[in-house]
C-alpha atoms as a PDB file:
ATOM      1  CA  UNK A   1       0.000   0.000   0.000  1.00  0.00           C
ATOM      2  CA  UNK A   2       1.421   3.361  -0.996  1.00  0.00           C
ATOM      3  CA  UNK A   3       0.633   7.004  -0.539  1.00  0.00           C
ATOM      4  CA  UNK A   4      -0.462   7.394  -4.187  1.00  0.00           C
ATOM      5  CA  UNK A   5       1.492  10.610  -4.657  1.00  0.00           C
ATOM      6  CA  UNK A   6       2.882   9.537  -8.011  1.00  0.00           C
ATOM      7  CA  UNK A   7       1.658   7.190 -10.709  1.00  0.00           C
ATOM      8  CA  UNK A   8       4.030   5.229 -12.944  1.00  0.00           C
ATOM      9  CA  UNK A   9       2.650   4.726 -16.451  1.00  0.00           C
ATOM     10  CA  UNK A  10       4.300   1.612 -17.829  1.00  0.00           C
ATOM     11  CA  UNK A  11       5.595   1.427 -21.404  1.00  0.00           C
ATOM     12  CA  UNK A  12       3.653  -0.759 -23.813  1.00  0.00           C
ATOM     13  CA  UNK A  13       5.188  -4.205 -24.013  1.00  0.00           C
ATOM     14  CA  UNK A  14       4.746  -6.432 -27.047  1.00  0.00           C
ATOM     15  CA  UNK A  15       7.253  -8.515 -28.949  1.00  0.00           C
ATOM     16  CA  UNK A  16       6.049  -7.184 -32.305  1.00  0.00           C
ATOM     17  CA  UNK A  17       6.738  -3.524 -31.571  1.00  0.00           C
ATOM     18  CA  UNK A  18      10.325  -2.550 -30.953  1.00  0.00           C
ATOM     19  CA  UNK A  19      10.300  -0.012 -28.194  1.00  0.00           C
ATOM     20  CA  UNK A  20      13.004   2.321 -27.022  1.00  0.00           C
ATOM     21  CA  UNK A  21      11.898   2.915 -23.486  1.00  0.00           C
ATOM     22  CA  UNK A  22      11.494   0.397 -20.726  1.00  0.00           C
ATOM     23  CA  UNK A  23      11.196   3.157 -18.144  1.00  0.00           C
ATOM     24  CA  UNK A  24       7.753   4.160 -16.886  1.00  0.00           C
ATOM     25  CA  UNK A  25       6.565   7.759 -17.172  1.00  0.00           C
ATOM     26  CA  UNK A  26       6.026   9.456 -13.830  1.00  0.00           C
ATOM     27  CA  UNK A  27       2.860  11.464 -13.214  1.00  0.00           C
ATOM     28  CA  UNK A  28       1.746  13.215 -10.051  1.00  0.00           C
ATOM     29  CA  UNK A  29      -1.660  12.015  -8.853  1.00  0.00           C
ATOM     30  CA  UNK A  30      -2.371  15.555  -7.603  1.00  0.00           C
ATOM     31  CA  UNK A  31      -1.369  18.262 -10.094  1.00  0.00           C
ATOM     32  CA  UNK A  32      -1.871  20.892  -7.379  1.00  0.00           C
ATOM     33  CA  UNK A  33       0.797  19.240  -5.230  1.00  0.00           C
ATOM     34  CA  UNK A  34       3.068  19.005  -8.279  1.00  0.00           C
ATOM     35  CA  UNK A  35       2.623  22.738  -8.968  1.00  0.00           C
ATOM     36  CA  UNK A  36       3.283  23.614  -5.332  1.00  0.00           C
ATOM     37  CA  UNK A  37       6.453  21.523  -5.157  1.00  0.00           C
ATOM     38  CA  UNK A  38       7.633  23.079  -8.442  1.00  0.00           C
ATOM     39  CA  UNK A  39       6.877  26.593  -7.132  1.00  0.00           C
ATOM     40  CA  UNK A  40       4.467  27.263 -10.008  1.00  0.00           C
ATOM     41  CA  UNK A  41       1.967  28.891  -7.699  1.00  0.00           C
ATOM     42  CA  UNK A  42      -0.415  30.929  -9.873  1.00  0.00           C
ATOM     43  CA  UNK A  43      -3.002  29.857 -12.415  1.00  0.00           C
ATOM     44  CA  UNK A  44      -1.437  32.208 -14.969  1.00  0.00           C
ATOM     45  CA  UNK A  45       1.977  30.585 -14.545  1.00  0.00           C
ATOM     46  CA  UNK A  46       0.467  27.127 -14.967  1.00  0.00           C
ATOM     47  CA  UNK A  47      -1.490  28.185 -18.076  1.00  0.00           C
ATOM     48  CA  UNK A  48       1.294  30.071 -19.832  1.00  0.00           C
ATOM     49  CA  UNK A  49       4.563  28.822 -18.349  1.00  0.00           C
ATOM     50  CA  UNK A  50       7.232  26.851 -20.128  1.00  0.00           C
ATOM     51  CA  UNK A  51       6.014  23.531 -18.726  1.00  0.00           C
ATOM     52  CA  UNK A  52       2.274  24.148 -19.028  1.00  0.00           C
ATOM     53  CA  UNK A  53       2.023  21.341 -21.607  1.00  0.00           C
ATOM     54  CA  UNK A  54       3.548  18.895 -19.126  1.00  0.00           C
ATOM     55  CA  UNK A  55       1.041  19.884 -16.438  1.00  0.00           C
ATOM     56  CA  UNK A  56      -1.798  19.453 -18.933  1.00  0.00           C
ATOM     57  CA  UNK A  57      -0.531  16.023 -19.991  1.00  0.00           C
ATOM     58  CA  UNK A  58      -0.187  15.032 -16.331  1.00  0.00           C
ATOM     59  CA  UNK A  59      -3.747  16.157 -15.593  1.00  0.00           C
ATOM     60  CA  UNK A  60      -5.268  14.361 -18.603  1.00  0.00           C
ATOM     61  CA  UNK A  61      -3.321  11.139 -18.019  1.00  0.00           C
ATOM     62  CA  UNK A  62      -4.445  11.001 -14.394  1.00  0.00           C
ATOM     63  CA  UNK A  63      -8.073  11.698 -15.349  1.00  0.00           C
ATOM     64  CA  UNK A  64      -7.905   8.763 -17.773  1.00  0.00           C
ATOM     65  CA  UNK A  65      -6.423   6.525 -15.083  1.00  0.00           C
ATOM     66  CA  UNK A  66      -9.122   7.545 -12.575  1.00  0.00           C
ATOM     67  CA  UNK A  67     -11.916   7.156 -15.117  1.00  0.00           C
ATOM     68  CA  UNK A  68     -10.907   3.632 -16.075  1.00  0.00           C
ATOM     69  CA  UNK A  69     -10.223   2.628 -12.470  1.00  0.00           C
ATOM     70  CA  UNK A  70     -13.965   2.911 -11.825  1.00  0.00           C
ATOM     71  CA  UNK A  71     -15.217   1.709 -15.218  1.00  0.00           C
ATOM     72  CA  UNK A  72     -17.033  -1.587 -15.638  1.00  0.00           C
ATOM     73  CA  UNK A  73     -14.626  -2.783 -18.295  1.00  0.00           C
ATOM     74  CA  UNK A  74     -10.975  -3.181 -17.433  1.00  0.00           C
ATOM     75  CA  UNK A  75      -8.310  -1.711 -19.670  1.00  0.00           C
ATOM     76  CA  UNK A  76      -4.545  -1.596 -19.765  1.00  0.00           C
ATOM     77  CA  UNK A  77      -3.169   1.965 -19.911  1.00  0.00           C
ATOM     78  CA  UNK A  78       0.390   2.366 -21.159  1.00  0.00           C
ATOM     79  CA  UNK A  79       2.448   4.609 -23.422  1.00  0.00           C
ATOM     80  CA  UNK A  80       4.707   3.858 -26.391  1.00  0.00           C
ATOM     81  CA  UNK A  81       8.086   5.178 -27.542  1.00  0.00           C
ATOM     82  CA  UNK A  82       9.977   3.521 -30.383  1.00  0.00           C
ATOM     83  CA  UNK A  83      13.632   3.533 -31.418  1.00  0.00           C
ATOM     84  CA  UNK A  84      13.011   6.598 -33.618  1.00  0.00           C
ATOM     85  CA  UNK A  85      11.829   8.504 -30.520  1.00  0.00           C
ATOM     86  CA  UNK A  86       8.245   8.552 -31.805  1.00  0.00           C
ATOM     87  CA  UNK A  87       6.082   8.670 -28.723  1.00  0.00           C
ATOM     88  CA  UNK A  88       2.387   8.050 -28.321  1.00  0.00           C
ATOM     89  CA  UNK A  89       1.306   9.542 -25.007  1.00  0.00           C
ATOM     90  CA  UNK A  90      -1.317   6.941 -24.072  1.00  0.00           C
ATOM     91  CA  UNK A  91      -2.274   3.480 -25.298  1.00  0.00           C
ATOM     92  CA  UNK A  92      -5.613   2.308 -23.968  1.00  0.00           C
ATOM     93  CA  UNK A  93      -5.873  -1.420 -24.622  1.00  0.00           C
ATOM     94  CA  UNK A  94      -9.272  -3.003 -24.245  1.00  0.00           C
ATOM     95  CA  UNK A  95     -10.238  -6.455 -25.542  1.00  0.00           C
ATOM     96  CA  UNK A  96      -6.984  -6.694 -27.554  1.00  0.00           C
ATOM     97  CA  UNK A  97      -7.718  -3.406 -29.335  1.00  0.00           C
ATOM     98  CA  UNK A  98      -5.350  -0.452 -28.892  1.00  0.00           C
ATOM     99  CA  UNK A  99      -6.759   3.071 -28.801  1.00  0.00           C
ATOM    100  CA  UNK A 100      -3.837   5.515 -29.218  1.00  0.00           C
ATOM    101  CA  UNK A 101      -4.138   9.012 -27.742  1.00  0.00           C
ATOM    102  CA  UNK A 102      -1.977  12.106 -27.997  1.00  0.00           C
ATOM    103  CA  UNK A 103      -2.305  14.842 -25.383  1.00  0.00           C
ATOM    104  CA  UNK A 104      -1.666  18.392 -26.590  1.00  0.00           C
ATOM    105  CA  UNK A 105      -2.360  21.613 -24.715  1.00  0.00           C
ATOM    106  CA  UNK A 106      -2.967  23.467 -27.984  1.00  0.00           C
ATOM    107  CA  UNK A 107      -6.485  24.432 -29.097  1.00  0.00           C
ATOM    108  CA  UNK A 108      -5.502  23.581 -32.672  1.00  0.00           C
ATOM    109  CA  UNK A 109      -3.064  20.655 -32.591  1.00  0.00           C
ATOM    110  CA  UNK A 110      -1.266  19.499 -35.703  1.00  0.00           C
ATOM    111  CA  UNK A 111      -3.319  16.720 -37.279  1.00  0.00           C
ATOM    112  CA  UNK A 112      -0.110  15.084 -38.459  1.00  0.00           C
ATOM    113  CA  UNK A 113       0.364  13.873 -34.874  1.00  0.00           C
ATOM    114  CA  UNK A 114      -1.920  10.932 -35.655  1.00  0.00           C
ATOM    115  CA  UNK A 115       0.494   9.666 -38.326  1.00  0.00           C
ATOM    116  CA  UNK A 116       2.486   8.184 -35.450  1.00  0.00           C
ATOM    117  CA  UNK A 117      -0.364   5.736 -34.945  1.00  0.00           C
ATOM    118  CA  UNK A 118       0.724   3.876 -38.090  1.00  0.00           C
ATOM    119  CA  UNK A 119       3.363   2.134 -35.962  1.00  0.00           C
ATOM    120  CA  UNK A 120       0.509  -0.008 -34.604  1.00  0.00           C
ATOM    121  CA  UNK A 121      -0.560  -0.974 -38.128  1.00  0.00           C
ATOM    122  CA  UNK A 122       2.931  -2.287 -38.954  1.00  0.00           C
ATOM    123  CA  UNK A 123       2.461  -5.007 -36.365  1.00  0.00           C
ATOM    124  CA  UNK A 124      -0.431  -7.441 -36.300  1.00  0.00           C
ATOM    125  CA  UNK A 125      -2.152  -5.434 -33.590  1.00  0.00           C
ATOM    126  CA  UNK A 126      -5.737  -4.227 -33.723  1.00  0.00           C
ATOM    127  CA  UNK A 127      -5.985  -0.433 -33.729  1.00  0.00           C
ATOM    128  CA  UNK A 128      -9.260   1.051 -32.610  1.00  0.00           C
ATOM    129  CA  UNK A 129     -10.376   4.651 -32.458  1.00  0.00           C
ATOM    130  CA  UNK A 130      -7.745   7.058 -31.279  1.00  0.00           C
ATOM    131  CA  UNK A 131      -7.383  10.773 -31.239  1.00  0.00           C
ATOM    132  CA  UNK A 132      -5.853  13.889 -29.829  1.00  0.00           C
ATOM    133  CA  UNK A 133      -7.003  15.203 -26.472  1.00  0.00           C
ATOM    134  CA  UNK A 134      -6.588  18.951 -26.657  1.00  0.00           C
ATOM    135  CA  UNK A 135      -8.003  22.308 -25.601  1.00  0.00           C
ATOM    136  CA  UNK A 136     -10.350  22.824 -28.590  1.00  0.00           C
ATOM    137  CA  UNK A 137     -13.924  23.740 -27.717  1.00  0.00           C
ATOM    138  CA  UNK A 138     -15.659  21.409 -30.198  1.00  0.00           C
ATOM    139  CA  UNK A 139     -14.639  17.943 -31.403  1.00  0.00           C
ATOM    140  CA  UNK A 140     -12.885  18.040 -34.761  1.00  0.00           C
ATOM    141  CA  UNK A 141     -13.809  15.111 -37.016  1.00  0.00           C
ATOM    142  CA  UNK A 142     -11.040  13.085 -38.611  1.00  0.00           C
END
């Protein structure tokens, strides 16, 4: 039993995909505590500071973890980074189907980000719906 201050997101593991990283990504379970410890103490600093994208990714990743922790269906949440340093922020694997997600703080992320998802297609893995979680106000169709 731990204090649940940090969460370690494991890298995706599959013999078909060559991965670069075997190290988990570290996220703070409480982004407020993370901001306090980093001395990023105002909302403006968090919104516009140099690491605001990291705080946003941390927040979204932890919301996904919490959401699926209480969901009826069980999923495996990981991330992927290959030998070419292509990283997919979150893999949600449910019923042997991988749903790749990118997390971008931008309100208008570059749609080319989803081209990274083709790495899944090169292996005999089933790719489901994926997308980019971002700050846009309305969903943007593919």
